[in-house]
C-alpha atoms as a PDB file:
ATOM      1  CA  MET A   1     -10.926 -13.672  12.604  1.00  0.00           C
ATOM      2  CA  SER A   2      -9.125 -10.484  11.577  1.00  0.00           C
ATOM      3  CA  HIS A   3      -6.396 -10.631   8.926  1.00  0.00           C
ATOM      4  CA  PRO A   4      -3.135  -9.145  10.268  1.00  0.00           C
ATOM      5  CA  ASN A   5      -2.417  -7.211   7.046  1.00  0.00           C
ATOM      6  CA  TYR A   6      -5.802  -5.454   6.942  1.00  0.00           C
ATOM      7  CA  VAL A   7      -5.982  -2.057   8.624  1.00  0.00           C
ATOM      8  CA  LEU A   8      -9.721  -1.765   7.918  1.00  0.00           C
ATOM      9  CA  GLU A   9     -12.404  -4.440   7.523  1.00  0.00           C
ATOM     10  CA  THR A  10     -16.156  -3.967   7.167  1.00  0.00           C
ATOM     11  CA  ARG A  11     -18.418  -7.007   7.374  1.00  0.00           C
ATOM     12  CA  GLY A  12     -22.118  -7.027   6.452  1.00  0.00           C
ATOM     13  CA  ILE A  13     -22.805  -3.330   7.080  1.00  0.00           C
ATOM     14  CA  HIS A  14     -26.540  -2.543   7.023  1.00  0.00           C
ATOM     15  CA  THR A  15     -27.612   1.073   7.525  1.00  0.00           C
ATOM     16  CA  ARG A  16     -31.170   2.362   7.639  1.00  0.00           C
ATOM     17  CA  LEU A  17     -31.657   6.114   7.146  1.00  0.00           C
ATOM     18  CA  GLY A  18     -34.868   8.053   6.652  1.00  0.00           C
ATOM     19  CA  GLY A  19     -36.958   4.899   6.539  1.00  0.00           C
ATOM     20  CA  HIS A  20     -35.001   3.116   3.809  1.00  0.00           C
ATOM     21  CA  TRP A  21     -31.938   0.905   3.646  1.00  0.00           C
ATOM     22  CA  LEU A  22     -28.854   2.864   2.588  1.00  0.00           C
ATOM     23  CA  HIS A  23     -26.450  -0.091   2.932  1.00  0.00           C
ATOM     24  CA  ARG A  24     -27.529  -3.720   2.515  1.00  0.00           C
ATOM     25  CA  GLY A  25     -24.557  -5.846   3.477  1.00  0.00           C
ATOM     26  CA  VAL A  26     -21.465  -3.818   2.573  1.00  0.00           C
ATOM     27  CA  SER A  27     -18.226  -5.761   3.052  1.00  0.00           C
ATOM     28  CA  PHE A  28     -14.671  -4.915   2.024  1.00  0.00           C
ATOM     29  CA  SER A  29     -11.122  -4.908   3.413  1.00  0.00           C
ATOM     30  CA  VAL A  30      -8.251  -2.463   3.005  1.00  0.00           C
ATOM     31  CA  PRO A  31      -4.717  -3.886   3.283  1.00  0.00           C
ATOM     32  CA  ARG A  32      -1.829  -1.868   4.643  1.00  0.00           C
ATOM     33  CA  GLY A  33      -0.241   0.527   2.147  1.00  0.00           C
ATOM     34  CA  GLN A  34      -3.110   0.711  -0.365  1.00  0.00           C
ATOM     35  CA  VAL A  35      -4.832   3.891  -1.575  1.00  0.00           C
ATOM     36  CA  VAL A  36      -8.485   2.927  -2.090  1.00  0.00           C
ATOM     37  CA  ALA A  37     -11.313   5.030  -3.529  1.00  0.00           C
ATOM     38  CA  LEU A  38     -14.983   4.582  -2.677  1.00  0.00           C
ATOM     39  CA  ILE A  39     -17.330   5.722  -5.460  1.00  0.00           C
ATOM     40  CA  GLY A  40     -21.073   5.681  -6.037  1.00  0.00           C
ATOM     41  CA  GLY A  41     -23.922   7.915  -7.124  1.00  0.00           C
ATOM     42  CA  SER A  42     -25.448  10.628  -4.937  1.00  0.00           C
ATOM     43  CA  GLY A  43     -27.268   9.105  -1.979  1.00  0.00           C
ATOM     44  CA  THR A  44     -25.351   5.809  -2.010  1.00  0.00           C
ATOM     45  CA  GLY A  45     -23.971   6.549   1.441  1.00  0.00           C
ATOM     46  CA  LYS A  46     -20.235   7.000   0.809  1.00  0.00           C
ATOM     47  CA  SER A  47     -19.856   9.675   3.498  1.00  0.00           C
ATOM     48  CA  VAL A  48     -22.098   7.731   5.898  1.00  0.00           C
ATOM     49  CA  LEU A  49     -19.920   4.646   5.407  1.00  0.00           C
ATOM     50  CA  LEU A  50     -16.775   6.679   6.159  1.00  0.00           C
ATOM     51  CA  ARG A  51     -18.374   7.942   9.380  1.00  0.00           C
ATOM     52  CA  GLU A  52     -19.212   4.367  10.349  1.00  0.00           C
ATOM     53  CA  CYS A  53     -15.601   3.334   9.682  1.00  0.00           C
ATOM     54  CA  ILE A  54     -14.239   5.991  12.060  1.00  0.00           C
ATOM     55  CA  GLY A  55     -16.745   5.334  14.837  1.00  0.00           C
ATOM     56  CA  LEU A  56     -18.904   8.462  14.467  1.00  0.00           C
ATOM     57  CA  LEU A  57     -22.008   6.600  13.328  1.00  0.00           C
ATOM     58  CA  ARG A  58     -23.138   3.133  14.289  1.00  0.00           C
ATOM     59  CA  PRO A  59     -24.528   0.887  11.544  1.00  0.00           C
ATOM     60  CA  ASP A  60     -27.771  -1.015  12.212  1.00  0.00           C
ATOM     61  CA  GLU A  61     -25.974  -4.299  11.577  1.00  0.00           C
ATOM     62  CA  GLY A  62     -22.467  -5.449  10.782  1.00  0.00           C
ATOM     63  CA  GLN A  63     -18.950  -5.005  12.030  1.00  0.00           C
ATOM     64  CA  VAL A  64     -16.151  -2.484  11.498  1.00  0.00           C
ATOM     65  CA  ARG A  65     -12.628  -3.530  12.463  1.00  0.00           C
ATOM     66  CA  LEU A  66      -9.783  -1.017  12.589  1.00  0.00           C
ATOM     67  CA  PHE A  67      -6.297  -2.472  13.099  1.00  0.00           C
ATOM     68  CA  GLY A  68      -8.018  -5.723  14.104  1.00  0.00           C
ATOM     69  CA  GLU A  69     -10.235  -4.077  16.767  1.00  0.00           C
ATOM     70  CA  ASP A  70     -14.017  -4.222  16.529  1.00  0.00           C
ATOM     71  CA  ILE A  71     -14.638  -0.511  17.159  1.00  0.00           C
ATOM     72  CA  TRP A  72     -18.200  -0.985  18.408  1.00  0.00           C
ATOM     73  CA  SER A  73     -17.267  -3.537  21.069  1.00  0.00           C
ATOM     74  CA  VAL A  74     -14.082  -2.038  22.561  1.00  0.00           C
ATOM     75  CA  GLY A  75     -14.264   0.361  25.496  1.00  0.00           C
ATOM     76  CA  LEU A  76     -13.914   4.120  25.135  1.00  0.00           C
ATOM     77  CA  ARG A  77     -10.290   4.135  26.309  1.00  0.00           C
ATOM     78  CA  ARG A  78      -9.306   1.538  23.712  1.00  0.00           C
ATOM     79  CA  LEU A  79     -11.335   3.338  21.024  1.00  0.00           C
ATOM     80  CA  ASN A  80      -9.428   6.557  21.733  1.00  0.00           C
ATOM     81  CA  GLN A  81      -6.147   4.673  21.313  1.00  0.00           C
ATOM     82  CA  VAL A  82      -7.369   3.366  17.954  1.00  0.00           C
ATOM     83  CA  ARG A  83      -8.447   6.890  16.957  1.00  0.00           C
ATOM     84  CA  GLY A  84      -4.895   8.069  17.554  1.00  0.00           C
ATOM     85  CA  ARG A  85      -3.784   5.768  14.713  1.00  0.00           C
ATOM     86  CA  PHE A  86      -5.907   7.308  11.939  1.00  0.00           C
ATOM     87  CA  GLY A  87      -6.487  10.790  10.555  1.00  0.00           C
ATOM     88  CA  VAL A  88      -9.590  12.242   8.896  1.00  0.00           C
ATOM     89  CA  LEU A  89     -10.037  14.962   6.290  1.00  0.00           C
ATOM     90  CA  PHE A  90     -13.712  15.946   6.161  1.00  0.00           C
ATOM     91  CA  GLN A  91     -15.251  17.345   2.992  1.00  0.00           C
ATOM     92  CA  GLU A  92     -14.909  21.053   3.738  1.00  0.00           C
ATOM     93  CA  GLY A  93     -11.732  20.624   5.808  1.00  0.00           C
ATOM     94  CA  ALA A  94     -13.859  21.039   8.984  1.00  0.00           C
ATOM     95  CA  LEU A  95     -11.369  23.508  10.416  1.00  0.00           C
ATOM     96  CA  PHE A  96     -12.302  25.505  13.524  1.00  0.00           C
ATOM     97  CA  SER A  97     -13.030  28.968  12.098  1.00  0.00           C
ATOM     98  CA  SER A  98     -11.976  30.816  15.267  1.00  0.00           C
ATOM     99  CA  LEU A  99      -8.528  29.151  15.358  1.00  0.00           C
ATOM    100  CA  THR A 100      -5.477  29.806  13.219  1.00  0.00           C
ATOM    101  CA  VAL A 101      -4.096  27.080  10.964  1.00  0.00           C
ATOM    102  CA  ALA A 102      -1.370  26.321  13.519  1.00  0.00           C
ATOM    103  CA  GLU A 103      -3.921  26.119  16.349  1.00  0.00           C
ATOM    104  CA  ASN A 104      -6.100  23.808  14.243  1.00  0.00           C
ATOM    105  CA  VAL A 105      -3.184  21.468  13.537  1.00  0.00           C
ATOM    106  CA  ALA A 106      -2.303  21.472  17.247  1.00  0.00           C
ATOM    107  CA  VAL A 107      -5.788  20.288  18.347  1.00  0.00           C
ATOM    108  CA  PRO A 108      -5.187  16.502  17.962  1.00  0.00           C
ATOM    109  CA  LEU A 109      -1.717  16.823  19.507  1.00  0.00           C
ATOM    110  CA  LYS A 110      -3.172  18.532  22.580  1.00  0.00           C
ATOM    111  CA  GLU A 111      -5.965  15.922  22.780  1.00  0.00           C
ATOM    112  CA  HIS A 112      -3.778  12.832  22.541  1.00  0.00           C
ATOM    113  CA  THR A 113      -0.325  13.855  23.817  1.00  0.00           C
ATOM    114  CA  ARG A 114       1.327  15.692  26.706  1.00  0.00           C
ATOM    115  CA  LEU A 115       4.058  17.354  24.678  1.00  0.00           C
ATOM    116  CA  PRO A 116       5.768  20.498  25.976  1.00  0.00           C
ATOM    117  CA  ASP A 117       4.813  23.648  24.045  1.00  0.00           C
ATOM    118  CA  ARG A 118       8.163  24.015  22.275  1.00  0.00           C
ATOM    119  CA  LEU A 119       8.051  20.498  20.858  1.00  0.00           C
ATOM    120  CA  LEU A 120       4.356  20.792  20.006  1.00  0.00           C
ATOM    121  CA  ASN A 121       5.010  24.023  18.070  1.00  0.00           C
ATOM    122  CA  GLU A 122       7.889  22.402  16.185  1.00  0.00           C
ATOM    123  CA  LEU A 123       5.679  19.454  15.218  1.00  0.00           C
ATOM    124  CA  VAL A 124       2.892  21.774  14.055  1.00  0.00           C
ATOM    125  CA  ALA A 125       5.341  23.728  11.870  1.00  0.00           C
ATOM    126  CA  MET A 126       6.659  20.471  10.428  1.00  0.00           C
ATOM    127  CA  LYS A 127       3.150  19.261   9.478  1.00  0.00           C
ATOM    128  CA  ILE A 128       2.334  22.614   7.858  1.00  0.00           C
ATOM    129  CA  ARG A 129       5.500  22.408   5.750  1.00  0.00           C
ATOM    130  CA  LEU A 130       4.795  18.747   4.952  1.00  0.00           C
ATOM    131  CA  VAL A 131       1.567  19.595   3.118  1.00  0.00           C
ATOM    132  CA  GLY A 132       3.225  22.386   1.128  1.00  0.00           C
ATOM    133  CA  LEU A 133       1.731  25.381   2.909  1.00  0.00           C
ATOM    134  CA  PRO A 134       3.875  28.512   3.312  1.00  0.00           C
ATOM    135  CA  MET A 135       4.745  29.201   6.941  1.00  0.00           C
ATOM    136  CA  ASP A 136       2.888  32.522   6.876  1.00  0.00           C
ATOM    137  CA  ALA A 137      -0.307  30.450   6.549  1.00  0.00           C
ATOM    138  CA  ALA A 138       0.229  29.185  10.121  1.00  0.00           C
ATOM    139  CA  GLY A 139      -1.071  32.416  11.653  1.00  0.00           C
ATOM    140  CA  LYS A 140      -4.065  32.762   9.331  1.00  0.00           C
ATOM    141  CA  ARG A 141      -7.649  31.756  10.030  1.00  0.00           C
ATOM    142  CA  PRO A 142      -9.524  29.466   7.605  1.00  0.00           C
ATOM    143  CA  SER A 143     -11.528  32.417   6.173  1.00  0.00           C
ATOM    144  CA  GLU A 144      -8.263  33.916   4.899  1.00  0.00           C
ATOM    145  CA  LEU A 145      -7.290  30.802   2.944  1.00  0.00           C
ATOM    146  CA  SER A 146      -8.118  29.651  -0.586  1.00  0.00           C
ATOM    147  CA  GLY A 147     -10.012  26.368  -1.052  1.00  0.00           C
ATOM    148  CA  GLY A 148      -6.819  24.471  -1.846  1.00  0.00           C
ATOM    149  CA  MET A 149      -5.017  25.895   1.183  1.00  0.00           C
ATOM    150  CA  LYS A 150      -7.940  24.924   3.452  1.00  0.00           C
ATOM    151  CA  LYS A 151      -7.712  21.322   2.197  1.00  0.00           C
ATOM    152  CA  ARG A 152      -3.966  21.303   2.873  1.00  0.00           C
ATOM    153  CA  ALA A 153      -4.506  22.737   6.367  1.00  0.00           C
ATOM    154  CA  GLY A 154      -7.098  20.027   7.031  1.00  0.00           C
ATOM    155  CA  LEU A 155      -4.630  17.416   5.780  1.00  0.00           C
ATOM    156  CA  ALA A 156      -1.897  18.810   8.060  1.00  0.00           C
ATOM    157  CA  ARG A 157      -4.274  18.351  11.007  1.00  0.00           C
ATOM    158  CA  ALA A 158      -5.178  14.824   9.846  1.00  0.00           C
ATOM    159  CA  LEU A 159      -1.435  14.004   9.779  1.00  0.00           C
ATOM    160  CA  ALA A 160      -0.685  15.594  13.173  1.00  0.00           C
ATOM    161  CA  LEU A 161      -0.471  12.306  15.092  1.00  0.00           C
ATOM    162  CA  GLU A 162       1.527  10.512  12.376  1.00  0.00           C
ATOM    163  CA  PRO A 163      -1.371   8.163  11.546  1.00  0.00           C
ATOM    164  CA  GLU A 164      -1.092   4.850   9.743  1.00  0.00           C
ATOM    165  CA  LEU A 165      -4.439   5.304   8.006  1.00  0.00           C
ATOM    166  CA  LEU A 166      -6.164   8.313   6.409  1.00  0.00           C
ATOM    167  CA  PHE A 167      -9.876   8.747   5.709  1.00  0.00           C
ATOM    168  CA  LEU A 168     -10.773  11.488   3.215  1.00  0.00           C
ATOM    169  CA  ASP A 169     -14.284  12.619   2.258  1.00  0.00           C
ATOM    170  CA  GLU A 170     -14.394  14.176  -1.248  1.00  0.00           C
ATOM    171  CA  PRO A 171     -10.855  15.617  -0.888  1.00  0.00           C
ATOM    172  CA  THR A 172     -10.924  17.500  -4.223  1.00  0.00           C
ATOM    173  CA  SER A 173     -14.513  18.823  -4.103  1.00  0.00           C
ATOM    174  CA  GLY A 174     -14.737  22.571  -4.590  1.00  0.00           C
ATOM    175  CA  LEU A 175     -11.226  22.831  -6.032  1.00  0.00           C
ATOM    176  CA  ASP A 176     -10.368  24.034  -9.532  1.00  0.00           C
ATOM    177  CA  PRO A 177      -8.823  21.313 -11.762  1.00  0.00           C
ATOM    178  CA  ILE A 178      -5.216  22.454 -11.249  1.00  0.00           C
ATOM    179  CA  SER A 179      -5.550  22.614  -7.438  1.00  0.00           C
ATOM    180  CA  ALA A 180      -7.351  19.256  -7.455  1.00  0.00           C
ATOM    181  CA  ARG A 181      -4.540  17.527  -9.372  1.00  0.00           C
ATOM    182  CA  GLU A 182      -1.917  19.172  -7.145  1.00  0.00           C
ATOM    183  CA  PHE A 183      -3.754  17.863  -4.075  1.00  0.00           C
ATOM    184  CA  ASP A 184      -3.966  14.356  -5.601  1.00  0.00           C
ATOM    185  CA  HIS A 185      -0.225  14.415  -6.281  1.00  0.00           C
ATOM    186  CA  LEU A 186       0.540  15.626  -2.745  1.00  0.00           C
ATOM    187  CA  LEU A 187      -1.635  12.905  -1.227  1.00  0.00           C
ATOM    188  CA  ARG A 188      -0.038  10.141  -3.299  1.00  0.00           C
ATOM    189  CA  VAL A 189       3.497  11.338  -2.513  1.00  0.00           C
ATOM    190  CA  LEU A 190       2.678  11.493   1.216  1.00  0.00           C
ATOM    191  CA  CYS A 191       1.088   8.026   1.203  1.00  0.00           C
ATOM    192  CA  ASP A 192       4.110   6.539  -0.593  1.00  0.00           C
ATOM    193  CA  SER A 193       6.781   8.334   1.417  1.00  0.00           C
ATOM    194  CA  LEU A 194       5.136   7.912   4.836  1.00  0.00           C
ATOM    195  CA  GLY A 195       3.801   4.391   4.209  1.00  0.00           C
ATOM    196  CA  LEU A 196       0.194   5.487   4.702  1.00  0.00           C
ATOM    197  CA  THR A 197      -2.976   3.604   3.861  1.00  0.00           C
ATOM    198  CA  ALA A 198      -5.875   5.749   2.585  1.00  0.00           C
ATOM    199  CA  LEU A 199      -9.594   5.349   1.988  1.00  0.00           C
ATOM    200  CA  LEU A 200     -11.195   8.229   0.118  1.00  0.00           C
ATOM    201  CA  ALA A 201     -14.799   8.796  -0.885  1.00  0.00           C
ATOM    202  CA  THR A 202     -14.755  10.676  -4.188  1.00  0.00           C
ATOM    203  CA  HIS A 203     -16.660  11.412  -7.384  1.00  0.00           C
ATOM    204  CA  ASP A 204     -13.565  12.779  -9.160  1.00  0.00           C
ATOM    205  CA  LEU A 205     -12.703  10.509 -12.074  1.00  0.00           C
ATOM    206  CA  ASP A 206      -9.320  12.167 -12.574  1.00  0.00           C
ATOM    207  CA  THR A 207      -8.422  11.220  -8.997  1.00  0.00           C
ATOM    208  CA  LEU A 208      -9.233   7.588  -9.788  1.00  0.00           C
ATOM    209  CA  TRP A 209      -7.115   7.441 -12.923  1.00  0.00           C
ATOM    210  CA  GLY A 210      -4.343   9.521 -11.410  1.00  0.00           C
ATOM    211  CA  MET A 211      -3.514   8.194  -7.967  1.00  0.00           C
ATOM    212  CA  VAL A 212      -5.537   5.292  -6.534  1.00  0.00           C
ATOM    213  CA  ASP A 213      -4.601   1.612  -6.429  1.00  0.00           C
ATOM    214  CA  ARG A 214      -8.121   0.267  -6.199  1.00  0.00           C
ATOM    215  CA  VAL A 215     -11.729   1.377  -6.478  1.00  0.00           C
ATOM    216  CA  ILE A 216     -14.812   0.079  -4.636  1.00  0.00           C
ATOM    217  CA  VAL A 217     -18.204   0.838  -6.230  1.00  0.00           C
ATOM    218  CA  LEU A 218     -21.344   1.238  -4.084  1.00  0.00           C
ATOM    219  CA  HIS A 219     -24.691   0.883  -5.842  1.00  0.00           C
ATOM    220  CA  GLY A 220     -28.095  -0.157  -4.561  1.00  0.00           C
ATOM    221  CA  GLY A 221     -26.735  -0.527  -1.038  1.00  0.00           C
ATOM    222  CA  ARG A 222     -24.085  -3.068  -2.013  1.00  0.00           C
ATOM    223  CA  VAL A 223     -20.541  -3.323  -3.362  1.00  0.00           C
ATOM    224  CA  ILE A 224     -21.017  -4.091  -7.075  1.00  0.00           C
ATOM    225  CA  ALA A 225     -17.354  -3.878  -8.144  1.00  0.00           C
ATOM    226  CA  ASP A 226     -13.975  -3.869  -6.393  1.00  0.00           C
ATOM    227  CA  GLY A 227     -10.555  -3.894  -8.018  1.00  0.00           C
ATOM    228  CA  PRO A 228      -7.952  -1.923  -9.994  1.00  0.00           C
ATOM    229  CA  VAL A 229      -9.405   1.130 -11.779  1.00  0.00           C
ATOM    230  CA  ASP A 230      -8.953  -0.210 -15.321  1.00  0.00           C
ATOM    231  CA  GLU A 231     -10.673  -3.500 -14.426  1.00  0.00           C
ATOM    232  CA  VAL A 232     -13.597  -1.771 -12.696  1.00  0.00           C
ATOM    233  CA  ALA A 233     -13.942   0.683 -15.614  1.00  0.00           C
ATOM    234  CA  ALA A 234     -14.412  -2.298 -17.945  1.00  0.00           C
ATOM    235  CA  THR A 235     -17.202  -3.824 -15.811  1.00  0.00           C
ATOM    236  CA  ASP A 236     -20.428  -4.399 -17.711  1.00  0.00           C
ATOM    237  CA  HIS A 237     -22.821  -2.518 -15.445  1.00  0.00           C
ATOM    238  CA  GLU A 238     -25.021   0.376 -16.533  1.00  0.00           C
ATOM    239  CA  TRP A 239     -24.067   2.788 -13.726  1.00  0.00           C
ATOM    240  CA  ILE A 240     -20.332   1.998 -13.997  1.00  0.00           C
ATOM    241  CA  ARG A 241     -20.420   2.423 -17.805  1.00  0.00           C
ATOM    242  CA  SER A 242     -22.138   5.808 -17.566  1.00  0.00           C
ATOM    243  CA  TYR A 243     -19.830   6.994 -14.757  1.00  0.00           C
ATOM    244  CA  PHE A 244     -16.604   6.177 -16.577  1.00  0.00           C
ATOM    245  CA  SER A 245     -17.844   7.342 -19.991  1.00  0.00           C
ATOM    246  CA  ALA A 246     -18.751  10.757 -18.558  1.00  0.00           C
ATOM    247  CA  HIS A 247     -15.111  11.880 -18.708  1.00  0.00           C
ATOM    248  CA  SER A 248     -13.571   9.305 -21.023  1.00  0.00           C
ATOM    249  CA  GLY A 249     -12.920  11.879 -23.718  1.00  0.00           C
ATOM    250  CA  GLU A 250     -10.991  14.069 -21.287  1.00  0.00           C
ATOM    251  CA  ARG A 251      -8.625  11.423 -19.960  1.00  0.00           C
ATOM    252  CA  THR A 252      -5.072  11.536 -21.219  1.00  0.00           C
ATOM    253  CA  THR A 253      -2.937   8.426 -21.304  1.00  0.00           C
END
């Protein structure tokens, strides 16, 4: 039975890739309004798990529920309705290179709505402003943008349909430290002000300390820790100790 306050639930996810088990019974829930980070070493399947959560990849076993709906048992029409309630920011922004920023942001609106052009253009401009991009960025193609601006453009597109839930794959990867912290701050402010729930796969320790409510640790195909960052950081596990000690000297209180 699904819990009414959970926007995302995974139950017993098993995933086999390349002849070995990537996930061996991954289970966790994300309640409404929480910003949750998913961490783990290279090859632990963080990005794969995100793709399973949004219905792009089917696990070998287990269940994914979004807003109480089992996404692998509902019909395509219902799945599309569910997809209209979440936004995704892929690792490199995944913007269409031949489209301008404004055209990229308009893609989900054209897919899921029948808005007249004037209203659609107003909404696109609003989303571009919302993520802190200058309006002259609207007419530019992704190749003309800096790394930080590409991430913001991708976020504007993820927010186009006013989602309740955001999925983000390594949102600060490839950014310099200042741009990364600015993006973290933007994301936290948007989540708080818009009442968004977010699940982000990351390796960025500064993101964890700076803006997440909770961290889930994947190791050996399973969830080995789940809780507030300070509690997880204190967990007596070799991988967790080495991960958090890697930057401990750099963290400011």
